[in-house]
Structure formats: structure tokens, C-alpha cells
Amino acid sequence: MKHIITTIPKSKFKDWKTCERTVLLCDGETPRHRGQPWFWTINTMNLPKDIVVGESVCFMIYDGKIRGYFHILDTDTSENWRNRHDIGKERVTKIIVMANWHPCPHLPMRGFQGWRYTELKP
């Protein structure tokens, strides 16, 4: 089993305080928008092959620092999540579904596009 790491684009949130409020709401349980719980999703062309759903985690980089991680709950096709997660346009990509944010010390790391495997452990 491996873990992955990805970047939260700074274009999505103006600062970490705003982003942090959002990641904390992605618990996958509490009804929020339209009575549905929030999840954090990553769209990707290729899913990681070495992750174990329910056991692997995804570390998140924002503004050059690792801020925390989510538990990976599911993988699917993006189109199955379009209406549920307010993704406006049709997609032919895959999706990694995550929830349950855990902050960690802000370790420096450069951001990148997509995802990578990491040796980091929760």
C-alpha cells in the first residue's frame, strides 16, 4: 500500500485560511449543500494503482507547504460525481474521493500538477 500527494491550486482559494475552512468541512458525513455531505475530489486521467481505498491517504500541498492529508474513500469516474459535487461540465476523467482532513506540521514542498506517490506516512 502506498500514499499519494497532490497540490491544491492557489487559484482555487485566495489564502490558506479560506482553504482550511473548506477542507475541514469535507468530512463525508455531515449534510451540507443540498443536504449532501462534502468530499474532496481530485480529477485525474489515471488513477493510482498502488493505493488501497480505505487505508491510503492523500497529502495536500498548498502554497509550498504540506498542510495535511485526507483519507482516500473511493475511486470512480468523474461523471458519476458531476451532479453530486457541482462539477458543471461533463468529464471523461477518473476521480479520487476523499474526506476526513487531518492537519500536519507545515512541511515545505514545491507544488506540481497531478498526483505522485509519497513516502510520507500519517
PDB file of N, CA and C in Angstrom:
ATOM      1  N   MET A   1       0.842  -1.176   0.000  1.00  0.00           N
ATOM      2  CA  MET A   1       0.000   0.000   0.000  1.00  0.00           C
ATOM      3  C   MET A   1       0.886   1.238   0.000  1.00  0.00           C
ATOM      4  N   LYS A   2       0.476   2.226  -0.801  1.00  0.00           N
ATOM      5  CA  LYS A   2       1.199   3.484  -0.871  1.00  0.00           C
ATOM      6  C   LYS A   2       0.246   4.643  -0.598  1.00  0.00           C
ATOM      7  N   HIS A   3       0.845   5.793  -0.332  1.00  0.00           N
ATOM      8  CA  HIS A   3       0.103   7.034  -0.154  1.00  0.00           C
ATOM      9  C   HIS A   3       0.465   7.953  -1.312  1.00  0.00           C
ATOM     10  N   ILE A   4      -0.378   8.962  -1.550  1.00  0.00           N
ATOM     11  CA  ILE A   4      -0.109   9.908  -2.625  1.00  0.00           C
ATOM     12  C   ILE A   4      -0.054  11.328  -2.077  1.00  0.00           C
ATOM     13  N   ILE A   5       0.413  12.236  -2.924  1.00  0.00           N
ATOM     14  CA  ILE A   5       0.489  13.651  -2.585  1.00  0.00           C
ATOM     15  C   ILE A   5       0.060  14.450  -3.804  1.00  0.00           C
ATOM     16  N   THR A   6      -0.632  15.557  -3.583  1.00  0.00           N
ATOM     17  CA  THR A   6      -1.079  16.414  -4.675  1.00  0.00           C
ATOM     18  C   THR A   6      -1.125  17.863  -4.194  1.00  0.00           C
ATOM     19  N   THR A   7      -1.385  18.760  -5.110  1.00  0.00           N
ATOM     20  CA  THR A   7      -1.392  20.191  -4.811  1.00  0.00           C
ATOM     21  C   THR A   7      -2.803  20.756  -4.896  1.00  0.00           C
ATOM     22  N   ILE A   8      -3.125  21.636  -3.971  1.00  0.00           N
ATOM     23  CA  ILE A   8      -4.347  22.433  -4.058  1.00  0.00           C
ATOM     24  C   ILE A   8      -3.948  23.708  -4.791  1.00  0.00           C
ATOM     25  N   PRO A   9      -4.461  23.950  -5.996  1.00  0.00           N
ATOM     26  CA  PRO A   9      -4.065  25.156  -6.742  1.00  0.00           C
ATOM     27  C   PRO A   9      -4.421  26.430  -5.980  1.00  0.00           C
ATOM     28  N   LYS A  10      -3.474  27.373  -5.920  1.00  0.00           N
ATOM     29  CA  LYS A  10      -3.730  28.646  -5.242  1.00  0.00           C
ATOM     30  C   LYS A  10      -4.847  29.421  -5.926  1.00  0.00           C
ATOM     31  N   SER A  11      -5.116  29.114  -7.186  1.00  0.00           N
ATOM     32  CA  SER A  11      -6.196  29.813  -7.887  1.00  0.00           C
ATOM     33  C   SER A  11      -7.571  29.446  -7.322  1.00  0.00           C
ATOM     34  N   LYS A  12      -7.686  28.338  -6.612  1.00  0.00           N
ATOM     35  CA  LYS A  12      -8.971  27.910  -6.040  1.00  0.00           C
ATOM     36  C   LYS A  12      -9.328  28.663  -4.765  1.00  0.00           C
ATOM     37  N   PHE A  13      -8.310  29.062  -3.980  1.00  0.00           N
ATOM     38  CA  PHE A  13      -8.524  29.735  -2.703  1.00  0.00           C
ATOM     39  C   PHE A  13      -7.518  30.864  -2.573  1.00  0.00           C
ATOM     40  N   LYS A  14      -7.977  32.026  -2.103  1.00  0.00           N
ATOM     41  CA  LYS A  14      -7.106  33.198  -2.049  1.00  0.00           C
ATOM     42  C   LYS A  14      -6.022  33.078  -0.979  1.00  0.00           C
ATOM     43  N   ASP A  15      -6.289  32.297   0.076  1.00  0.00           N
ATOM     44  CA  ASP A  15      -5.292  32.138   1.136  1.00  0.00           C
ATOM     45  C   ASP A  15      -5.563  30.822   1.869  1.00  0.00           C
ATOM     46  N   TRP A  16      -4.604  30.417   2.722  1.00  0.00           N
ATOM     47  CA  TRP A  16      -4.739  29.144   3.421  1.00  0.00           C
ATOM     48  C   TRP A  16      -5.926  29.163   4.390  1.00  0.00           C
ATOM     49  N   LYS A  17      -6.197  30.283   5.032  1.00  0.00           N
ATOM     50  CA  LYS A  17      -7.310  30.355   5.977  1.00  0.00           C
ATOM     51  C   LYS A  17      -8.633  29.984   5.299  1.00  0.00           C
ATOM     52  N   THR A  18      -8.854  30.492   4.102  1.00  0.00           N
ATOM     53  CA  THR A  18     -10.074  30.186   3.343  1.00  0.00           C
ATOM     54  C   THR A  18     -10.091  28.714   2.931  1.00  0.00           C
ATOM     55  N   CYS A  19      -8.967  28.224   2.466  1.00  0.00           N
ATOM     56  CA  CYS A  19      -8.861  26.820   2.052  1.00  0.00           C
ATOM     57  C   CYS A  19      -9.078  25.889   3.244  1.00  0.00           C
ATOM     58  N   GLU A  20      -8.478  26.228   4.366  1.00  0.00           N
ATOM     59  CA  GLU A  20      -8.592  25.383   5.548  1.00  0.00           C
ATOM     60  C   GLU A  20     -10.042  25.240   6.002  1.00  0.00           C
ATOM     61  N   ARG A  21     -10.816  26.326   5.937  1.00  0.00           N
ATOM     62  CA  ARG A  21     -12.240  26.243   6.299  1.00  0.00           C
ATOM     63  C   ARG A  21     -12.946  25.211   5.427  1.00  0.00           C
ATOM     64  N   THR A  22     -12.597  25.174   4.144  1.00  0.00           N
ATOM     65  CA  THR A  22     -13.240  24.239   3.220  1.00  0.00           C
ATOM     66  C   THR A  22     -12.817  22.801   3.479  1.00  0.00           C
ATOM     67  N   VAL A  23     -11.509  22.547   3.639  1.00  0.00           N
ATOM     68  CA  VAL A  23     -11.066  21.158   3.844  1.00  0.00           C
ATOM     69  C   VAL A  23     -11.635  20.586   5.138  1.00  0.00           C
ATOM     70  N   LEU A  24     -11.804  21.426   6.145  1.00  0.00           N
ATOM     71  CA  LEU A  24     -12.378  20.947   7.401  1.00  0.00           C
ATOM     72  C   LEU A  24     -13.852  20.550   7.255  1.00  0.00           C
ATOM     73  N   LEU A  25     -14.547  21.135   6.293  1.00  0.00           N
ATOM     74  CA  LEU A  25     -15.955  20.785   6.048  1.00  0.00           C
ATOM     75  C   LEU A  25     -16.115  19.476   5.279  1.00  0.00           C
ATOM     76  N   CYS A  26     -15.048  18.992   4.664  1.00  0.00           N
ATOM     77  CA  CYS A  26     -15.112  17.769   3.842  1.00  0.00           C
ATOM     78  C   CYS A  26     -14.962  16.541   4.740  1.00  0.00           C
ATOM     79  N   ASP A  27     -15.999  16.273   5.513  1.00  0.00           N
ATOM     80  CA  ASP A  27     -15.942  15.124   6.417  1.00  0.00           C
ATOM     81  C   ASP A  27     -16.666  13.903   5.867  1.00  0.00           C
ATOM     82  N   GLY A  28     -17.384  14.051   4.759  1.00  0.00           N
ATOM     83  CA  GLY A  28     -18.067  12.923   4.142  1.00  0.00           C
ATOM     84  C   GLY A  28     -19.282  12.431   4.893  1.00  0.00           C
ATOM     85  N   GLU A  29     -19.696  13.135   5.951  1.00  0.00           N
ATOM     86  CA  GLU A  29     -20.813  12.664   6.763  1.00  0.00           C
ATOM     87  C   GLU A  29     -21.876  13.731   7.016  1.00  0.00           C
ATOM     88  N   THR A  30     -21.455  14.931   7.401  1.00  0.00           N
ATOM     89  CA  THR A  30     -22.387  15.982   7.798  1.00  0.00           C
ATOM     90  C   THR A  30     -23.117  16.549   6.587  1.00  0.00           C
ATOM     91  N   PRO A  31     -24.458  16.529   6.570  1.00  0.00           N
ATOM     92  CA  PRO A  31     -25.193  17.124   5.447  1.00  0.00           C
ATOM     93  C   PRO A  31     -24.876  18.615   5.333  1.00  0.00           C
ATOM     94  N   ARG A  32     -24.546  19.061   4.129  1.00  0.00           N
ATOM     95  CA  ARG A  32     -24.190  20.459   3.917  1.00  0.00           C
ATOM     96  C   ARG A  32     -24.996  21.007   2.742  1.00  0.00           C
ATOM     97  N   HIS A  33     -24.370  21.220   1.627  1.00  0.00           N
ATOM     98  CA  HIS A  33     -25.009  21.775   0.436  1.00  0.00           C
ATOM     99  C   HIS A  33     -26.026  20.781  -0.129  1.00  0.00           C
ATOM    100  N   ARG A  34     -27.266  21.220  -0.317  1.00  0.00           N
ATOM    101  CA  ARG A  34     -28.356  20.377  -0.830  1.00  0.00           C
ATOM    102  C   ARG A  34     -28.551  19.118   0.009  1.00  0.00           C
ATOM    103  N   GLY A  35     -28.215  19.198   1.282  1.00  0.00           N
ATOM    104  CA  GLY A  35     -28.385  18.059   2.180  1.00  0.00           C
ATOM    105  C   GLY A  35     -27.384  16.946   1.975  1.00  0.00           C
ATOM    106  N   GLN A  36     -26.351  17.187   1.174  1.00  0.00           N
ATOM    107  CA  GLN A  36     -25.336  16.176   0.884  1.00  0.00           C
ATOM    108  C   GLN A  36     -24.057  16.470   1.666  1.00  0.00           C
ATOM    109  N   PRO A  37     -23.347  15.440   2.101  1.00  0.00           N
ATOM    110  CA  PRO A  37     -22.057  15.666   2.751  1.00  0.00           C
ATOM    111  C   PRO A  37     -21.023  16.115   1.720  1.00  0.00           C
ATOM    112  N   TRP A  38     -19.973  16.773   2.193  1.00  0.00           N
ATOM    113  CA  TRP A  38     -18.901  17.231   1.312  1.00  0.00           C
ATOM    114  C   TRP A  38     -17.753  16.245   1.306  1.00  0.00           C
ATOM    115  N   PHE A  39     -17.194  16.069   0.111  1.00  0.00           N
ATOM    116  CA  PHE A  39     -15.991  15.275  -0.091  1.00  0.00           C
ATOM    117  C   PHE A  39     -14.998  16.143  -0.841  1.00  0.00           C
ATOM    118  N   TRP A  40     -13.726  15.829  -0.725  1.00  0.00           N
ATOM    119  CA  TRP A  40     -12.703  16.478  -1.540  1.00  0.00           C
ATOM    120  C   TRP A  40     -12.408  15.510  -2.676  1.00  0.00           C
ATOM    121  N   THR A  41     -12.389  16.007  -3.898  1.00  0.00           N
ATOM    122  CA  THR A  41     -12.139  15.133  -5.042  1.00  0.00           C
ATOM    123  C   THR A  41     -10.967  15.646  -5.865  1.00  0.00           C
ATOM    124  N   ILE A  42     -10.295  14.713  -6.508  1.00  0.00           N
ATOM    125  CA  ILE A  42      -9.213  15.028  -7.441  1.00  0.00           C
ATOM    126  C   ILE A  42      -9.567  14.368  -8.767  1.00  0.00           C
ATOM    127  N   ASN A  43      -9.615  15.168  -9.829  1.00  0.00           N
ATOM    128  CA  ASN A  43      -9.827  14.627 -11.162  1.00  0.00           C
ATOM    129  C   ASN A  43      -8.472  14.290 -11.765  1.00  0.00           C
ATOM    130  N   THR A  44      -8.382  13.137 -12.415  1.00  0.00           N
ATOM    131  CA  THR A  44      -7.119  12.695 -12.991  1.00  0.00           C
ATOM    132  C   THR A  44      -7.394  11.766 -14.168  1.00  0.00           C
ATOM    133  N   MET A  45      -6.483  11.737 -15.095  1.00  0.00           N
ATOM    134  CA  MET A  45      -6.647  10.821 -16.234  1.00  0.00           C
ATOM    135  C   MET A  45      -6.389   9.379 -15.811  1.00  0.00           C
ATOM    136  N   ASN A  46      -5.422   9.191 -14.910  1.00  0.00           N
ATOM    137  CA  ASN A  46      -5.054   7.841 -14.465  1.00  0.00           C
ATOM    138  C   ASN A  46      -5.104   7.756 -12.950  1.00  0.00           C
ATOM    139  N   LEU A  47      -5.758   6.727 -12.453  1.00  0.00           N
ATOM    140  CA  LEU A  47      -5.829   6.514 -11.011  1.00  0.00           C
ATOM    141  C   LEU A  47      -4.552   5.839 -10.514  1.00  0.00           C
ATOM    142  N   PRO A  48      -4.145   6.138  -9.286  1.00  0.00           N
ATOM    143  CA  PRO A  48      -3.001   5.422  -8.716  1.00  0.00           C
ATOM    144  C   PRO A  48      -3.340   3.947  -8.572  1.00  0.00           C
ATOM    145  N   LYS A  49      -2.428   3.079  -8.974  1.00  0.00           N
ATOM    146  CA  LYS A  49      -2.682   1.637  -8.922  1.00  0.00           C
ATOM    147  C   LYS A  49      -2.303   1.024  -7.574  1.00  0.00           C
ATOM    148  N   ASP A  50      -1.407   1.683  -6.837  1.00  0.00           N
ATOM    149  CA  ASP A  50      -0.871   1.085  -5.616  1.00  0.00           C
ATOM    150  C   ASP A  50      -1.504   1.613  -4.337  1.00  0.00           C
ATOM    151  N   ILE A  51      -2.649   2.294  -4.442  1.00  0.00           N
ATOM    152  CA  ILE A  51      -3.327   2.748  -3.232  1.00  0.00           C
ATOM    153  C   ILE A  51      -4.356   1.701  -2.813  1.00  0.00           C
ATOM    154  N   VAL A  52      -4.704   1.720  -1.537  1.00  0.00           N
ATOM    155  CA  VAL A  52      -5.742   0.835  -1.016  1.00  0.00           C
ATOM    156  C   VAL A  52      -6.856   1.734  -0.486  1.00  0.00           C
ATOM    157  N   VAL A  53      -8.013   1.703  -1.154  1.00  0.00           N
ATOM    158  CA  VAL A  53      -9.157   2.522  -0.736  1.00  0.00           C
ATOM    159  C   VAL A  53      -9.507   2.166   0.706  1.00  0.00           C
ATOM    160  N   GLY A  54      -9.654   3.197   1.524  1.00  0.00           N
ATOM    161  CA  GLY A  54      -9.959   2.994   2.934  1.00  0.00           C
ATOM    162  C   GLY A  54      -8.730   2.945   3.825  1.00  0.00           C
ATOM    163  N   GLU A  55      -7.545   2.746   3.235  1.00  0.00           N
ATOM    164  CA  GLU A  55      -6.315   2.687   4.023  1.00  0.00           C
ATOM    165  C   GLU A  55      -5.294   3.737   3.595  1.00  0.00           C
ATOM    166  N   SER A  56      -5.209   4.043   2.320  1.00  0.00           N
ATOM    167  CA  SER A  56      -4.247   5.025   1.829  1.00  0.00           C
ATOM    168  C   SER A  56      -4.745   6.435   2.111  1.00  0.00           C
ATOM    169  N   VAL A  57      -3.805   7.381   2.155  1.00  0.00           N
ATOM    170  CA  VAL A  57      -4.147   8.782   2.361  1.00  0.00           C
ATOM    171  C   VAL A  57      -3.540   9.612   1.239  1.00  0.00           C
ATOM    172  N   CYS A  58      -4.030  10.846   1.134  1.00  0.00           N
ATOM    173  CA  CYS A  58      -3.514  11.797   0.154  1.00  0.00           C
ATOM    174  C   CYS A  58      -3.078  13.061   0.891  1.00  0.00           C
ATOM    175  N   PHE A  59      -1.780  13.337   0.880  1.00  0.00           N
ATOM    176  CA  PHE A  59      -1.248  14.565   1.463  1.00  0.00           C
ATOM    177  C   PHE A  59      -1.505  15.709   0.499  1.00  0.00           C
ATOM    178  N   MET A  60      -1.748  16.893   1.062  1.00  0.00           N
ATOM    179  CA  MET A  60      -2.108  18.057   0.257  1.00  0.00           C
ATOM    180  C   MET A  60      -1.098  19.190   0.459  1.00  0.00           C
ATOM    181  N   ILE A  61      -0.623  19.740  -0.664  1.00  0.00           N
ATOM    182  CA  ILE A  61       0.287  20.879  -0.651  1.00  0.00           C
ATOM    183  C   ILE A  61      -0.524  22.127  -0.988  1.00  0.00           C
ATOM    184  N   TYR A  62      -0.291  23.195  -0.233  1.00  0.00           N
ATOM    185  CA  TYR A  62      -0.868  24.495  -0.570  1.00  0.00           C
ATOM    186  C   TYR A  62       0.200  25.542  -0.306  1.00  0.00           C
ATOM    187  N   ASP A  63       0.470  26.373  -1.297  1.00  0.00           N
ATOM    188  CA  ASP A  63       1.424  27.473  -1.185  1.00  0.00           C
ATOM    189  C   ASP A  63       2.791  27.009  -0.674  1.00  0.00           C
ATOM    190  N   GLY A  64       3.293  25.918  -1.257  1.00  0.00           N
ATOM    191  CA  GLY A  64       4.643  25.458  -0.967  1.00  0.00           C
ATOM    192  C   GLY A  64       4.829  24.716   0.337  1.00  0.00           C
ATOM    193  N   LYS A  65       3.712  24.297   0.963  1.00  0.00           N
ATOM    194  CA  LYS A  65       3.809  23.565   2.223  1.00  0.00           C
ATOM    195  C   LYS A  65       2.801  22.429   2.250  1.00  0.00           C
ATOM    196  N   ILE A  66       3.210  21.299   2.809  1.00  0.00           N
ATOM    197  CA  ILE A  66       2.267  20.204   3.040  1.00  0.00           C
ATOM    198  C   ILE A  66       1.428  20.613   4.253  1.00  0.00           C
ATOM    199  N   ARG A  67       0.123  20.679   4.070  1.00  0.00           N
ATOM    200  CA  ARG A  67      -0.766  21.198   5.117  1.00  0.00           C
ATOM    201  C   ARG A  67      -1.469  20.095   5.911  1.00  0.00           C
ATOM    202  N   GLY A  68      -1.634  18.915   5.306  1.00  0.00           N
ATOM    203  CA  GLY A  68      -2.344  17.835   5.971  1.00  0.00           C
ATOM    204  C   GLY A  68      -2.673  16.741   4.974  1.00  0.00           C
ATOM    205  N   TYR A  69      -3.585  15.867   5.360  1.00  0.00           N
ATOM    206  CA  TYR A  69      -3.965  14.773   4.473  1.00  0.00           C
ATOM    207  C   TYR A  69      -5.430  14.401   4.654  1.00  0.00           C
ATOM    208  N   PHE A  70      -5.958  13.759   3.603  1.00  0.00           N
ATOM    209  CA  PHE A  70      -7.304  13.191   3.595  1.00  0.00           C
ATOM    210  C   PHE A  70      -7.197  11.670   3.502  1.00  0.00           C
ATOM    211  N   HIS A  71      -8.213  10.973   3.994  1.00  0.00           N
ATOM    212  CA  HIS A  71      -8.337   9.536   3.768  1.00  0.00           C
ATOM    213  C   HIS A  71      -8.962   9.320   2.393  1.00  0.00           C
ATOM    214  N   ILE A  72      -8.438   8.387   1.632  1.00  0.00           N
ATOM    215  CA  ILE A  72      -8.994   8.059   0.315  1.00  0.00           C
ATOM    216  C   ILE A  72     -10.135   7.065   0.527  1.00  0.00           C
ATOM    217  N   LEU A  73     -11.345   7.497   0.141  1.00  0.00           N
ATOM    218  CA  LEU A  73     -12.543   6.697   0.394  1.00  0.00           C
ATOM    219  C   LEU A  73     -13.034   5.912  -0.810  1.00  0.00           C
ATOM    220  N   ASP A  74     -12.725   6.404  -2.021  1.00  0.00           N
ATOM    221  CA  ASP A  74     -13.271   5.757  -3.219  1.00  0.00           C
ATOM    222  C   ASP A  74     -12.526   6.260  -4.442  1.00  0.00           C
ATOM    223  N   THR A  75     -12.647   5.530  -5.525  1.00  0.00           N
ATOM    224  CA  THR A  75     -12.232   5.971  -6.856  1.00  0.00           C
ATOM    225  C   THR A  75     -13.391   5.679  -7.789  1.00  0.00           C
ATOM    226  N   ASP A  76     -13.544   6.499  -8.813  1.00  0.00           N
ATOM    227  CA  ASP A  76     -14.712   6.371  -9.674  1.00  0.00           C
ATOM    228  C   ASP A  76     -14.436   7.123 -10.970  1.00  0.00           C
ATOM    229  N   THR A  77     -15.445   7.203 -11.820  1.00  0.00           N
ATOM    230  CA  THR A  77     -15.352   8.083 -12.983  1.00  0.00           C
ATOM    231  C   THR A  77     -15.934   9.430 -12.572  1.00  0.00           C
ATOM    232  N   SER A  78     -15.352  10.501 -13.069  1.00  0.00           N
ATOM    233  CA  SER A  78     -15.776  11.854 -12.670  1.00  0.00           C
ATOM    234  C   SER A  78     -17.233  12.109 -12.978  1.00  0.00           C
ATOM    235  N   GLU A  79     -17.727  11.583 -14.068  1.00  0.00           N
ATOM    236  CA  GLU A  79     -19.108  11.847 -14.477  1.00  0.00           C
ATOM    237  C   GLU A  79     -20.105  11.380 -13.414  1.00  0.00           C
ATOM    238  N   ASN A  80     -19.789  10.301 -12.688  1.00  0.00           N
ATOM    239  CA  ASN A  80     -20.685   9.818 -11.638  1.00  0.00           C
ATOM    240  C   ASN A  80     -20.803  10.802 -10.480  1.00  0.00           C
ATOM    241  N   TRP A  81     -19.855  11.736 -10.364  1.00  0.00           N
ATOM    242  CA  TRP A  81     -19.842  12.701  -9.272  1.00  0.00           C
ATOM    243  C   TRP A  81     -20.221  14.095  -9.728  1.00  0.00           C
ATOM    244  N   ARG A  82     -20.490  14.290 -11.004  1.00  0.00           N
ATOM    245  CA  ARG A  82     -20.720  15.631 -11.556  1.00  0.00           C
ATOM    246  C   ARG A  82     -21.882  16.344 -10.876  1.00  0.00           C
ATOM    247  N   ASN A  83     -23.055  15.749 -10.829  1.00  0.00           N
ATOM    248  CA  ASN A  83     -24.218  16.388 -10.218  1.00  0.00           C
ATOM    249  C   ASN A  83     -24.091  16.451  -8.697  1.00  0.00           C
ATOM    250  N   ARG A  84     -23.541  15.412  -8.111  1.00  0.00           N
ATOM    251  CA  ARG A  84     -23.426  15.352  -6.668  1.00  0.00           C
ATOM    252  C   ARG A  84     -22.432  16.377  -6.126  1.00  0.00           C
ATOM    253  N   HIS A  85     -21.411  16.707  -6.934  1.00  0.00           N
ATOM    254  CA  HIS A  85     -20.332  17.573  -6.442  1.00  0.00           C
ATOM    255  C   HIS A  85     -20.267  18.893  -7.214  1.00  0.00           C
ATOM    256  N   ASP A  86     -21.340  19.252  -7.905  1.00  0.00           N
ATOM    257  CA  ASP A  86     -21.426  20.515  -8.643  1.00  0.00           C
ATOM    258  C   ASP A  86     -20.289  20.719  -9.640  1.00  0.00           C
ATOM    259  N   ILE A  87     -19.901  19.653 -10.332  1.00  0.00           N
ATOM    260  CA  ILE A  87     -18.932  19.793 -11.419  1.00  0.00           C
ATOM    261  C   ILE A  87     -19.753  20.118 -12.652  1.00  0.00           C
ATOM    262  N   GLY A  88     -19.643  21.332 -13.158  1.00  0.00           N
ATOM    263  CA  GLY A  88     -20.539  21.820 -14.195  1.00  0.00           C
ATOM    264  C   GLY A  88     -20.438  21.127 -15.529  1.00  0.00           C
ATOM    265  N   LYS A  89     -19.240  20.866 -16.009  1.00  0.00           N
ATOM    266  CA  LYS A  89     -19.096  20.304 -17.351  1.00  0.00           C
ATOM    267  C   LYS A  89     -18.897  18.793 -17.297  1.00  0.00           C
ATOM    268  N   GLU A  90     -19.277  18.125 -18.368  1.00  0.00           N
ATOM    269  CA  GLU A  90     -19.072  16.675 -18.446  1.00  0.00           C
ATOM    270  C   GLU A  90     -17.587  16.373 -18.473  1.00  0.00           C
ATOM    271  N   ARG A  91     -17.223  15.281 -17.853  1.00  0.00           N
ATOM    272  CA  ARG A  91     -15.810  14.895 -17.793  1.00  0.00           C
ATOM    273  C   ARG A  91     -15.662  13.423 -18.152  1.00  0.00           C
ATOM    274  N   VAL A  92     -14.525  13.099 -18.719  1.00  0.00           N
ATOM    275  CA  VAL A  92     -14.229  11.705 -19.045  1.00  0.00           C
ATOM    276  C   VAL A  92     -13.044  11.215 -18.206  1.00  0.00           C
ATOM    277  N   THR A  93     -12.738  11.951 -17.147  1.00  0.00           N
ATOM    278  CA  THR A  93     -11.605  11.601 -16.295  1.00  0.00           C
ATOM    279  C   THR A  93     -12.037  10.669 -15.171  1.00  0.00           C
ATOM    280  N   LYS A  94     -11.078  10.246 -14.390  1.00  0.00           N
ATOM    281  CA  LYS A  94     -11.316   9.461 -13.181  1.00  0.00           C
ATOM    282  C   LYS A  94     -11.307  10.423 -11.999  1.00  0.00           C
ATOM    283  N   ILE A  95     -11.759   9.949 -10.853  1.00  0.00           N
ATOM    284  CA  ILE A  95     -11.823  10.802  -9.677  1.00  0.00           C
ATOM    285  C   ILE A  95     -11.383  10.014  -8.442  1.00  0.00           C
ATOM    286  N   ILE A  96     -10.665  10.697  -7.567  1.00  0.00           N
ATOM    287  CA  ILE A  96     -10.288  10.150  -6.267  1.00  0.00           C
ATOM    288  C   ILE A  96     -11.146  10.895  -5.249  1.00  0.00           C
ATOM    289  N   VAL A  97     -11.892  10.168  -4.444  1.00  0.00           N
ATOM    290  CA  VAL A  97     -12.824  10.753  -3.480  1.00  0.00           C
ATOM    291  C   VAL A  97     -12.211  10.633  -2.081  1.00  0.00           C
ATOM    292  N   MET A  98     -12.170  11.772  -1.367  1.00  0.00           N
ATOM    293  CA  MET A  98     -11.504  11.787  -0.068  1.00  0.00           C
ATOM    294  C   MET A  98     -12.330  12.560   0.960  1.00  0.00           C
ATOM    295  N   ALA A  99     -12.058  12.314   2.226  1.00  0.00           N
ATOM    296  CA  ALA A  99     -12.704  13.041   3.323  1.00  0.00           C
ATOM    297  C   ALA A  99     -11.851  12.892   4.574  1.00  0.00           C
ATOM    298  N   ASN A 100     -12.287  13.550   5.647  1.00  0.00           N
ATOM    299  CA  ASN A 100     -11.672  13.460   6.969  1.00  0.00           C
ATOM    300  C   ASN A 100     -10.279  14.085   7.001  1.00  0.00           C
ATOM    301  N   TRP A 101     -10.243  15.403   7.000  1.00  0.00           N
ATOM    302  CA  TRP A 101      -8.999  16.175   6.997  1.00  0.00           C
ATOM    303  C   TRP A 101      -8.228  16.026   8.315  1.00  0.00           C
ATOM    304  N   HIS A 102      -6.925  15.823   8.170  1.00  0.00           N
ATOM    305  CA  HIS A 102      -6.011  15.766   9.307  1.00  0.00           C
ATOM    306  C   HIS A 102      -4.881  16.755   9.049  1.00  0.00           C
ATOM    307  N   PRO A 103      -4.802  17.847   9.821  1.00  0.00           N
ATOM    308  CA  PRO A 103      -3.695  18.778   9.627  1.00  0.00           C
ATOM    309  C   PRO A 103      -2.384  18.151  10.086  1.00  0.00           C
ATOM    310  N   CYS A 104      -1.283  18.619   9.553  1.00  0.00           N
ATOM    311  CA  CYS A 104       0.038  18.172   9.978  1.00  0.00           C
ATOM    312  C   CYS A 104       0.971  19.381   9.956  1.00  0.00           C
ATOM    313  N   PRO A 105       2.154  19.271  10.563  1.00  0.00           N
ATOM    314  CA  PRO A 105       3.084  20.407  10.521  1.00  0.00           C
ATOM    315  C   PRO A 105       3.328  20.842   9.075  1.00  0.00           C
ATOM    316  N   HIS A 106       3.425  22.123   8.870  1.00  0.00           N
ATOM    317  CA  HIS A 106       3.558  22.668   7.520  1.00  0.00           C
ATOM    318  C   HIS A 106       4.967  22.439   6.985  1.00  0.00           C
ATOM    319  N   LEU A 107       5.189  21.271   6.403  1.00  0.00           N
ATOM    320  CA  LEU A 107       6.486  20.908   5.844  1.00  0.00           C
ATOM    321  C   LEU A 107       6.648  21.544   4.474  1.00  0.00           C
ATOM    322  N   PRO A 108       7.794  22.152   4.192  1.00  0.00           N
ATOM    323  CA  PRO A 108       7.969  22.778   2.877  1.00  0.00           C
ATOM    324  C   PRO A 108       8.060  21.735   1.759  1.00  0.00           C
ATOM    325  N   MET A 109       7.396  22.010   0.645  1.00  0.00           N
ATOM    326  CA  MET A 109       7.472  21.166  -0.548  1.00  0.00           C
ATOM    327  C   MET A 109       6.916  21.941  -1.725  1.00  0.00           C
ATOM    328  N   ARG A 110       7.561  21.852  -2.844  1.00  0.00           N
ATOM    329  CA  ARG A 110       7.085  22.531  -4.048  1.00  0.00           C
ATOM    330  C   ARG A 110       5.852  21.831  -4.594  1.00  0.00           C
ATOM    331  N   GLY A 111       4.936  22.618  -5.108  1.00  0.00           N
ATOM    332  CA  GLY A 111       3.728  22.069  -5.712  1.00  0.00           C
ATOM    333  C   GLY A 111       3.991  21.576  -7.129  1.00  0.00           C
ATOM    334  N   PHE A 112       3.032  20.886  -7.698  1.00  0.00           N
ATOM    335  CA  PHE A 112       3.117  20.316  -9.036  1.00  0.00           C
ATOM    336  C   PHE A 112       1.703  20.004  -9.484  1.00  0.00           C
ATOM    337  N   GLN A 113       1.540  19.652 -10.733  1.00  0.00           N
ATOM    338  CA  GLN A 113       0.217  19.258 -11.228  1.00  0.00           C
ATOM    339  C   GLN A 113       0.076  17.751 -11.149  1.00  0.00           C
ATOM    340  N   GLY A 114      -1.126  17.302 -10.909  1.00  0.00           N
ATOM    341  CA  GLY A 114      -1.385  15.867 -10.832  1.00  0.00           C
ATOM    342  C   GLY A 114      -1.104  15.326  -9.440  1.00  0.00           C
ATOM    343  N   TRP A 115      -0.834  14.041  -9.359  1.00  0.00           N
ATOM    344  CA  TRP A 115      -0.537  13.383  -8.090  1.00  0.00           C
ATOM    345  C   TRP A 115       0.753  12.593  -8.245  1.00  0.00           C
ATOM    346  N   ARG A 116       1.358  12.265  -7.125  1.00  0.00           N
ATOM    347  CA  ARG A 116       2.567  11.432  -7.082  1.00  0.00           C
ATOM    348  C   ARG A 116       2.484  10.521  -5.874  1.00  0.00           C
ATOM    349  N   TYR A 117       3.185   9.398  -5.948  1.00  0.00           N
ATOM    350  CA  TYR A 117       3.333   8.571  -4.751  1.00  0.00           C
ATOM    351  C   TYR A 117       4.284   9.268  -3.799  1.00  0.00           C
ATOM    352  N   THR A 118       4.120   9.027  -2.493  1.00  0.00           N
ATOM    353  CA  THR A 118       4.988   9.650  -1.500  1.00  0.00           C
ATOM    354  C   THR A 118       5.364   8.631  -0.426  1.00  0.00           C
ATOM    355  N   GLU A 119       6.495   8.850   0.154  1.00  0.00           N
ATOM    356  CA  GLU A 119       6.943   8.015   1.281  1.00  0.00           C
ATOM    357  C   GLU A 119       6.417   8.556   2.604  1.00  0.00           C
ATOM    358  N   LEU A 120       5.764   9.715   2.594  1.00  0.00           N
ATOM    359  CA  LEU A 120       5.207  10.278   3.826  1.00  0.00           C
ATOM    360  C   LEU A 120       4.173   9.317   4.420  1.00  0.00           C
ATOM    361  N   LYS A 121       4.105   9.325   5.731  1.00  0.00           N
ATOM    362  CA  LYS A 121       3.126   8.480   6.422  1.00  0.00           C
ATOM    363  C   LYS A 121       2.336   9.330   7.414  1.00  0.00           C
ATOM    364  N   PRO A 122       1.062   9.015   7.624  1.00  0.00           N
ATOM    365  CA  PRO A 122       0.253   9.795   8.573  1.00  0.00           C
ATOM    366  C   PRO A 122       0.759   9.633  10.009  1.00  0.00           C
TER     367      PRO A 122
END
